[in-house]
Amino acid sequence: MRKQEKQWEPIIFRPKKPAGWDVLEQIDGIKNSYISFYRWGKLHHNAEPTRIFAIFCEFRPGTQKYSYTVRAGRYAKPDETLKYFTDLKSAEDYLIYVMESTDRWIEEVNSEKYIKAYNDRIAKLVAEQEKREARMREALEQ
């Protein structure tokens, strides 16, 4: 009779997420399991809402030197690099950090102060362009 190996079952990881974040899906495989968390946010005050991701991955014990990874998806803050963890608490803390940093960034980008600064900068660029065009017209007339 063959000795039956203990089967690995991934955890159903659902930390206390900041408001606005949800779980899109959990996909389990033979060697790992990953859960994608997402939120909707405007990346610019004139933009359409975009889905922003943070990914948590758990690996089957013995397949990697690390047990968990967390990756901030495109547009998430602080960046898109993959971080490696050996304990769940550190991975969870970093995942929550990514979510909260992204929330703060979205709030800042859509704040009145940021919008005013953006509009002032655009107005300045338009005025400079108009001055250049006026100088070009004067030069052509002479």
N, C-alpha and C. Protein backbone atom coordinates (compact mmCIF):
# COMPACT_ATOMS: atom_id res chain seq x y z
N MET A 1 0.83 -1.17 0.00
CA MET A 1 0.00 0.00 0.00
C MET A 1 0.89 1.25 0.00
N ARG A 2 0.59 2.20 -0.84
CA ARG A 2 1.37 3.43 -0.94
C ARG A 2 0.97 4.41 0.15
N LYS A 3 1.99 5.08 0.65
CA LYS A 3 1.72 6.11 1.65
C LYS A 3 1.16 7.33 0.92
N GLN A 4 0.04 7.80 1.39
CA GLN A 4 -0.60 8.94 0.73
C GLN A 4 -0.01 10.25 1.25
N GLU A 5 0.41 11.10 0.32
CA GLU A 5 0.97 12.39 0.69
C GLU A 5 -0.14 13.32 1.15
N LYS A 6 0.23 14.20 2.08
CA LYS A 6 -0.72 15.19 2.55
C LYS A 6 -1.00 16.17 1.42
N GLN A 7 -2.24 16.43 1.15
CA GLN A 7 -2.62 17.33 0.08
C GLN A 7 -2.50 18.78 0.55
N TRP A 8 -2.00 19.63 -0.32
CA TRP A 8 -1.88 21.05 -0.01
C TRP A 8 -3.17 21.74 -0.42
N GLU A 9 -3.71 22.52 0.47
CA GLU A 9 -4.87 23.34 0.16
C GLU A 9 -4.53 24.79 0.43
N PRO A 10 -4.67 25.63 -0.57
CA PRO A 10 -4.35 27.04 -0.36
C PRO A 10 -5.33 27.69 0.61
N ILE A 11 -4.84 28.71 1.32
CA ILE A 11 -5.72 29.43 2.22
C ILE A 11 -6.68 30.29 1.41
N ILE A 12 -7.82 30.54 1.97
CA ILE A 12 -8.74 31.50 1.36
C ILE A 12 -8.45 32.81 2.07
N PHE A 13 -7.58 33.59 1.48
CA PHE A 13 -7.03 34.78 2.11
C PHE A 13 -7.92 35.98 1.86
N ARG A 14 -8.54 36.48 2.90
CA ARG A 14 -9.40 37.66 2.79
C ARG A 14 -9.09 38.60 3.96
N PRO A 15 -8.05 39.43 3.81
CA PRO A 15 -7.72 40.36 4.90
C PRO A 15 -8.78 41.45 5.02
N LYS A 16 -8.72 42.21 6.08
CA LYS A 16 -9.61 43.36 6.24
C LYS A 16 -9.13 44.44 5.28
N LYS A 17 -9.81 44.56 4.16
CA LYS A 17 -9.40 45.46 3.08
C LYS A 17 -9.91 46.88 3.33
N PRO A 18 -9.19 47.87 2.83
CA PRO A 18 -9.72 49.24 2.88
C PRO A 18 -11.00 49.35 2.05
N ALA A 19 -11.82 50.32 2.38
CA ALA A 19 -13.08 50.52 1.64
C ALA A 19 -12.79 50.74 0.16
N GLY A 20 -13.60 50.16 -0.69
CA GLY A 20 -13.44 50.30 -2.13
C GLY A 20 -12.71 49.15 -2.79
N TRP A 21 -12.03 48.33 -2.03
CA TRP A 21 -11.29 47.19 -2.59
C TRP A 21 -12.15 45.94 -2.49
N ASP A 22 -12.14 45.13 -3.54
CA ASP A 22 -12.88 43.87 -3.59
C ASP A 22 -11.99 42.77 -4.13
N VAL A 23 -12.49 41.54 -4.04
CA VAL A 23 -11.78 40.39 -4.60
C VAL A 23 -12.37 40.10 -5.97
N LEU A 24 -11.51 39.99 -6.97
CA LEU A 24 -11.98 39.65 -8.31
C LEU A 24 -12.08 38.15 -8.46
N GLU A 25 -10.98 37.44 -8.15
CA GLU A 25 -10.99 35.99 -8.30
C GLU A 25 -9.86 35.36 -7.50
N GLN A 26 -10.04 34.08 -7.21
CA GLN A 26 -8.97 33.27 -6.63
C GLN A 26 -8.78 32.10 -7.56
N ILE A 27 -7.55 31.92 -8.01
CA ILE A 27 -7.25 30.81 -8.92
C ILE A 27 -6.23 29.91 -8.24
N ASP A 28 -6.60 28.65 -8.10
CA ASP A 28 -5.74 27.67 -7.44
C ASP A 28 -5.14 26.74 -8.48
N GLY A 29 -3.86 26.44 -8.28
CA GLY A 29 -3.16 25.51 -9.15
C GLY A 29 -2.44 24.47 -8.32
N ILE A 30 -1.63 23.65 -8.98
CA ILE A 30 -0.89 22.60 -8.29
C ILE A 30 0.21 23.20 -7.43
N LYS A 31 0.89 24.23 -7.93
CA LYS A 31 2.03 24.78 -7.20
C LYS A 31 1.74 26.10 -6.50
N ASN A 32 0.68 26.79 -6.90
CA ASN A 32 0.38 28.06 -6.24
C ASN A 32 -1.10 28.43 -6.36
N SER A 33 -1.43 29.48 -5.64
CA SER A 33 -2.78 30.01 -5.65
C SER A 33 -2.64 31.53 -5.62
N TYR A 34 -3.43 32.22 -6.44
CA TYR A 34 -3.34 33.67 -6.34
C TYR A 34 -4.72 34.28 -6.25
N ILE A 35 -4.76 35.42 -5.59
CA ILE A 35 -6.00 36.15 -5.39
C ILE A 35 -5.77 37.57 -5.90
N SER A 36 -6.64 38.03 -6.75
CA SER A 36 -6.52 39.39 -7.25
C SER A 36 -7.54 40.29 -6.55
N PHE A 37 -7.03 41.37 -5.99
CA PHE A 37 -7.85 42.39 -5.35
C PHE A 37 -7.88 43.58 -6.30
N TYR A 38 -8.99 44.29 -6.34
CA TYR A 38 -9.09 45.43 -7.24
C TYR A 38 -9.94 46.53 -6.65
N ARG A 39 -9.80 47.69 -7.24
CA ARG A 39 -10.67 48.83 -6.96
C ARG A 39 -10.78 49.66 -8.22
N TRP A 40 -11.82 50.46 -8.32
CA TRP A 40 -11.97 51.38 -9.43
C TRP A 40 -11.47 52.75 -8.99
N GLY A 41 -10.80 53.47 -9.87
CA GLY A 41 -10.32 54.81 -9.55
C GLY A 41 -9.99 55.59 -10.80
N LYS A 42 -10.11 56.90 -10.70
CA LYS A 42 -9.74 57.79 -11.80
C LYS A 42 -8.27 58.15 -11.66
N LEU A 43 -7.49 57.84 -12.68
CA LEU A 43 -6.06 58.11 -12.67
C LEU A 43 -5.74 59.56 -12.98
N HIS A 44 -6.75 60.29 -13.41
CA HIS A 44 -6.64 61.70 -13.77
C HIS A 44 -8.04 62.26 -13.64
N HIS A 45 -8.18 63.51 -13.27
CA HIS A 45 -9.53 64.03 -13.02
C HIS A 45 -10.42 64.06 -14.26
N ASN A 46 -9.84 64.01 -15.44
CA ASN A 46 -10.63 63.97 -16.68
C ASN A 46 -10.75 62.56 -17.25
N ALA A 47 -10.20 61.57 -16.56
CA ALA A 47 -10.15 60.20 -17.08
C ALA A 47 -11.39 59.40 -16.70
N GLU A 48 -11.58 58.32 -17.41
CA GLU A 48 -12.62 57.35 -17.06
C GLU A 48 -12.11 56.49 -15.90
N PRO A 49 -12.98 56.00 -15.04
CA PRO A 49 -12.52 55.10 -13.96
C PRO A 49 -11.81 53.88 -14.53
N THR A 50 -10.73 53.48 -13.88
CA THR A 50 -9.90 52.36 -14.30
C THR A 50 -9.82 51.35 -13.17
N ARG A 51 -9.73 50.07 -13.52
CA ARG A 51 -9.59 49.05 -12.49
C ARG A 51 -8.11 48.92 -12.13
N ILE A 52 -7.82 48.97 -10.83
CA ILE A 52 -6.46 48.91 -10.31
C ILE A 52 -6.33 47.65 -9.47
N PHE A 53 -5.23 46.90 -9.68
CA PHE A 53 -5.08 45.59 -9.04
C PHE A 53 -3.95 45.54 -8.02
N ALA A 54 -4.10 44.61 -7.08
CA ALA A 54 -3.04 44.17 -6.18
C ALA A 54 -3.19 42.65 -6.12
N ILE A 55 -2.11 41.92 -6.31
CA ILE A 55 -2.16 40.46 -6.41
C ILE A 55 -1.42 39.81 -5.25
N PHE A 56 -2.08 38.86 -4.60
CA PHE A 56 -1.48 38.07 -3.52
C PHE A 56 -1.33 36.64 -4.03
N CYS A 57 -0.15 36.05 -3.85
CA CYS A 57 0.09 34.70 -4.32
C CYS A 57 0.67 33.84 -3.20
N GLU A 58 0.12 32.64 -3.03
CA GLU A 58 0.62 31.68 -2.05
C GLU A 58 1.20 30.49 -2.81
N PHE A 59 2.37 30.01 -2.37
CA PHE A 59 3.02 28.89 -3.04
C PHE A 59 2.94 27.63 -2.20
N ARG A 60 2.84 26.50 -2.88
CA ARG A 60 2.84 25.21 -2.20
C ARG A 60 4.15 25.06 -1.41
N PRO A 61 4.08 24.64 -0.16
CA PRO A 61 5.31 24.50 0.63
C PRO A 61 6.32 23.59 -0.07
N GLY A 62 7.58 24.02 -0.06
CA GLY A 62 8.65 23.23 -0.65
C GLY A 62 8.92 23.52 -2.11
N THR A 63 8.09 24.33 -2.76
CA THR A 63 8.32 24.62 -4.18
C THR A 63 9.16 25.88 -4.39
N GLN A 64 9.23 26.76 -3.39
CA GLN A 64 9.99 28.01 -3.48
C GLN A 64 10.68 28.27 -2.14
N LYS A 65 11.65 29.19 -2.15
CA LYS A 65 12.30 29.60 -0.91
C LYS A 65 11.36 30.47 -0.08
N TYR A 66 10.39 31.06 -0.73
CA TYR A 66 9.43 31.95 -0.08
C TYR A 66 8.04 31.32 -0.17
N SER A 67 7.15 31.77 0.68
CA SER A 67 5.80 31.20 0.70
C SER A 67 4.76 32.09 0.02
N TYR A 68 5.01 33.41 0.01
CA TYR A 68 4.00 34.36 -0.49
C TYR A 68 4.68 35.44 -1.32
N THR A 69 3.92 35.98 -2.26
CA THR A 69 4.36 37.15 -3.00
C THR A 69 3.19 38.13 -3.06
N VAL A 70 3.54 39.40 -3.18
CA VAL A 70 2.53 40.45 -3.38
C VAL A 70 3.05 41.34 -4.49
N ARG A 71 2.16 41.66 -5.41
CA ARG A 71 2.54 42.54 -6.51
C ARG A 71 1.51 43.63 -6.67
N ALA A 72 1.98 44.86 -6.72
CA ALA A 72 1.10 45.98 -7.02
C ALA A 72 0.93 46.00 -8.53
N GLY A 73 -0.29 45.98 -8.99
CA GLY A 73 -0.54 45.97 -10.43
C GLY A 73 -0.31 47.32 -11.07
N ARG A 74 -0.56 47.40 -12.36
CA ARG A 74 -0.38 48.65 -13.09
C ARG A 74 -1.23 49.73 -12.44
N TYR A 75 -0.66 50.90 -12.30
CA TYR A 75 -1.25 52.09 -11.71
C TYR A 75 -1.34 52.06 -10.19
N ALA A 76 -1.10 50.91 -9.56
CA ALA A 76 -1.11 50.86 -8.09
C ALA A 76 0.18 51.50 -7.58
N LYS A 77 0.13 51.94 -6.35
CA LYS A 77 1.30 52.56 -5.74
C LYS A 77 1.76 51.70 -4.59
N PRO A 78 3.01 51.61 -4.28
CA PRO A 78 4.12 52.45 -4.70
C PRO A 78 4.69 52.09 -6.06
N ASP A 79 4.67 50.85 -6.51
CA ASP A 79 5.20 50.51 -7.83
C ASP A 79 4.72 49.11 -8.21
N GLU A 80 5.22 48.63 -9.32
CA GLU A 80 4.78 47.33 -9.84
C GLU A 80 5.72 46.18 -9.50
N THR A 81 6.66 46.37 -8.59
CA THR A 81 7.62 45.30 -8.31
C THR A 81 7.01 44.18 -7.49
N LEU A 82 7.55 43.00 -7.67
CA LEU A 82 7.11 41.81 -6.95
C LEU A 82 7.89 41.71 -5.65
N LYS A 83 7.18 41.54 -4.54
CA LYS A 83 7.81 41.42 -3.23
C LYS A 83 7.62 40.00 -2.72
N TYR A 84 8.66 39.44 -2.10
CA TYR A 84 8.66 38.06 -1.63
C TYR A 84 8.58 38.02 -0.10
N PHE A 85 7.82 37.07 0.45
CA PHE A 85 7.65 36.97 1.89
C PHE A 85 7.66 35.51 2.34
N THR A 86 8.17 35.29 3.55
CA THR A 86 8.16 33.93 4.11
C THR A 86 7.06 33.76 5.15
N ASP A 87 6.48 34.88 5.63
CA ASP A 87 5.39 34.74 6.59
C ASP A 87 4.16 35.52 6.12
N LEU A 88 3.01 35.02 6.48
CA LEU A 88 1.74 35.58 6.02
C LEU A 88 1.53 37.00 6.54
N LYS A 89 1.89 37.28 7.77
CA LYS A 89 1.66 38.60 8.37
C LYS A 89 2.38 39.69 7.57
N SER A 90 3.62 39.46 7.20
CA SER A 90 4.38 40.46 6.42
C SER A 90 3.74 40.66 5.05
N ALA A 91 3.31 39.58 4.42
CA ALA A 91 2.67 39.68 3.10
C ALA A 91 1.36 40.47 3.21
N GLU A 92 0.59 40.18 4.24
CA GLU A 92 -0.68 40.89 4.45
C GLU A 92 -0.43 42.38 4.71
N ASP A 93 0.55 42.68 5.55
CA ASP A 93 0.86 44.08 5.85
C ASP A 93 1.25 44.84 4.58
N TYR A 94 2.07 44.22 3.73
CA TYR A 94 2.48 44.89 2.50
C TYR A 94 1.29 45.05 1.55
N LEU A 95 0.43 44.04 1.46
CA LEU A 95 -0.76 44.13 0.60
C LEU A 95 -1.64 45.30 1.04
N ILE A 96 -1.89 45.41 2.32
CA ILE A 96 -2.70 46.51 2.84
C ILE A 96 -2.01 47.85 2.59
N TYR A 97 -0.67 47.88 2.74
CA TYR A 97 0.10 49.10 2.45
C TYR A 97 -0.09 49.53 1.00
N VAL A 98 -0.03 48.58 0.07
CA VAL A 98 -0.23 48.90 -1.35
C VAL A 98 -1.63 49.47 -1.57
N MET A 99 -2.62 48.84 -0.97
CA MET A 99 -4.00 49.32 -1.13
C MET A 99 -4.17 50.73 -0.58
N GLU A 100 -3.67 50.97 0.62
CA GLU A 100 -3.82 52.29 1.24
C GLU A 100 -3.01 53.35 0.51
N SER A 101 -1.81 53.01 0.04
CA SER A 101 -1.00 53.97 -0.73
C SER A 101 -1.70 54.35 -2.02
N THR A 102 -2.30 53.37 -2.68
CA THR A 102 -3.04 53.62 -3.92
C THR A 102 -4.24 54.51 -3.65
N ASP A 103 -4.95 54.24 -2.56
CA ASP A 103 -6.11 55.08 -2.20
C ASP A 103 -5.69 56.53 -1.97
N ARG A 104 -4.59 56.74 -1.24
CA ARG A 104 -4.10 58.10 -0.98
C ARG A 104 -3.72 58.79 -2.29
N TRP A 105 -3.06 58.05 -3.19
CA TRP A 105 -2.64 58.63 -4.47
C TRP A 105 -3.86 59.04 -5.30
N ILE A 106 -4.87 58.18 -5.36
CA ILE A 106 -6.08 58.50 -6.14
C ILE A 106 -6.77 59.72 -5.55
N GLU A 107 -6.82 59.78 -4.22
CA GLU A 107 -7.44 60.93 -3.56
C GLU A 107 -6.67 62.21 -3.89
N GLU A 108 -5.35 62.15 -3.88
CA GLU A 108 -4.53 63.31 -4.19
C GLU A 108 -4.70 63.75 -5.64
N VAL A 109 -4.67 62.80 -6.56
CA VAL A 109 -4.78 63.13 -7.99
C VAL A 109 -6.13 63.78 -8.30
N ASN A 110 -7.16 63.44 -7.58
CA ASN A 110 -8.49 63.97 -7.84
C ASN A 110 -8.88 65.09 -6.87
N SER A 111 -7.91 65.61 -6.12
CA SER A 111 -8.19 66.70 -5.18
C SER A 111 -8.27 68.04 -5.92
N GLU A 112 -8.97 68.99 -5.32
CA GLU A 112 -9.11 70.32 -5.92
C GLU A 112 -7.76 71.00 -6.12
N LYS A 113 -6.87 70.84 -5.16
CA LYS A 113 -5.54 71.45 -5.24
C LYS A 113 -4.78 70.94 -6.46
N TYR A 114 -4.81 69.61 -6.69
CA TYR A 114 -4.12 68.99 -7.82
C TYR A 114 -4.75 69.43 -9.14
N ILE A 115 -6.08 69.45 -9.18
CA ILE A 115 -6.79 69.84 -10.41
C ILE A 115 -6.48 71.29 -10.76
N LYS A 116 -6.48 72.17 -9.75
CA LYS A 116 -6.16 73.58 -10.00
C LYS A 116 -4.73 73.72 -10.53
N ALA A 117 -3.78 73.03 -9.90
CA ALA A 117 -2.38 73.10 -10.35
C ALA A 117 -2.25 72.58 -11.78
N TYR A 118 -2.96 71.51 -12.11
CA TYR A 118 -2.93 70.95 -13.46
C TYR A 118 -3.49 71.95 -14.46
N ASN A 119 -4.65 72.53 -14.15
CA ASN A 119 -5.28 73.49 -15.06
C ASN A 119 -4.43 74.73 -15.23
N ASP A 120 -3.78 75.20 -14.15
CA ASP A 120 -2.89 76.36 -14.24
C ASP A 120 -1.70 76.05 -15.15
N ARG A 121 -1.16 74.86 -15.02
CA ARG A 121 -0.02 74.47 -15.85
C ARG A 121 -0.42 74.40 -17.33
N ILE A 122 -1.59 73.85 -17.61
CA ILE A 122 -2.07 73.78 -18.99
C ILE A 122 -2.29 75.19 -19.54
N ALA A 123 -2.89 76.07 -18.74
CA ALA A 123 -3.12 77.45 -19.19
C ALA A 123 -1.80 78.14 -19.51
N LYS A 124 -0.78 77.91 -18.68
CA LYS A 124 0.54 78.51 -18.91
C LYS A 124 1.15 77.98 -20.21
N LEU A 125 1.04 76.68 -20.45
CA LEU A 125 1.58 76.09 -21.68
C LEU A 125 0.85 76.62 -22.92
N VAL A 126 -0.47 76.80 -22.81
CA VAL A 126 -1.25 77.33 -23.94
C VAL A 126 -0.82 78.77 -24.21
N ALA A 127 -0.64 79.58 -23.16
CA ALA A 127 -0.22 80.97 -23.35
C ALA A 127 1.16 81.04 -24.00
N GLU A 128 2.09 80.20 -23.57
CA GLU A 128 3.43 80.17 -24.17
C GLU A 128 3.36 79.77 -25.64
N GLN A 129 2.52 78.82 -25.96
CA GLN A 129 2.36 78.38 -27.35
C GLN A 129 1.79 79.51 -28.21
N GLU A 130 0.82 80.23 -27.67
CA GLU A 130 0.23 81.34 -28.41
C GLU A 130 1.27 82.44 -28.66
N LYS A 131 2.13 82.72 -27.67
CA LYS A 131 3.19 83.71 -27.84
C LYS A 131 4.16 83.28 -28.93
N ARG A 132 4.54 82.00 -28.93
CA ARG A 132 5.44 81.48 -29.97
C ARG A 132 4.82 81.63 -31.35
N GLU A 133 3.55 81.30 -31.46
CA GLU A 133 2.86 81.41 -32.76
C GLU A 133 2.78 82.85 -33.21
N ALA A 134 2.55 83.78 -32.26
CA ALA A 134 2.49 85.21 -32.62
C ALA A 134 3.85 85.69 -33.11
N ARG A 135 4.93 85.27 -32.44
CA ARG A 135 6.28 85.64 -32.88
C ARG A 135 6.58 85.08 -34.27
N MET A 136 6.13 83.85 -34.52
CA MET A 136 6.35 83.23 -35.84
C MET A 136 5.60 84.02 -36.92
N ARG A 137 4.36 84.44 -36.62
CA ARG A 137 3.58 85.22 -37.61
C ARG A 137 4.27 86.55 -37.88
N GLU A 138 4.78 87.21 -36.83
CA GLU A 138 5.48 88.50 -36.99
C GLU A 138 6.73 88.30 -37.86
N ALA A 139 7.46 87.24 -37.61
CA ALA A 139 8.67 86.98 -38.37
C ALA A 139 8.35 86.73 -39.84
N LEU A 140 7.27 86.06 -40.11
CA LEU A 140 6.89 85.77 -41.51
C LEU A 140 6.41 87.02 -42.22
N GLU A 141 5.78 87.95 -41.49
CA GLU A 141 5.27 89.18 -42.10
C GLU A 141 6.40 90.14 -42.47
N GLN A 142 7.52 90.06 -41.81
CA GLN A 142 8.62 90.98 -42.09
C GLN A 142 9.42 90.58 -43.25
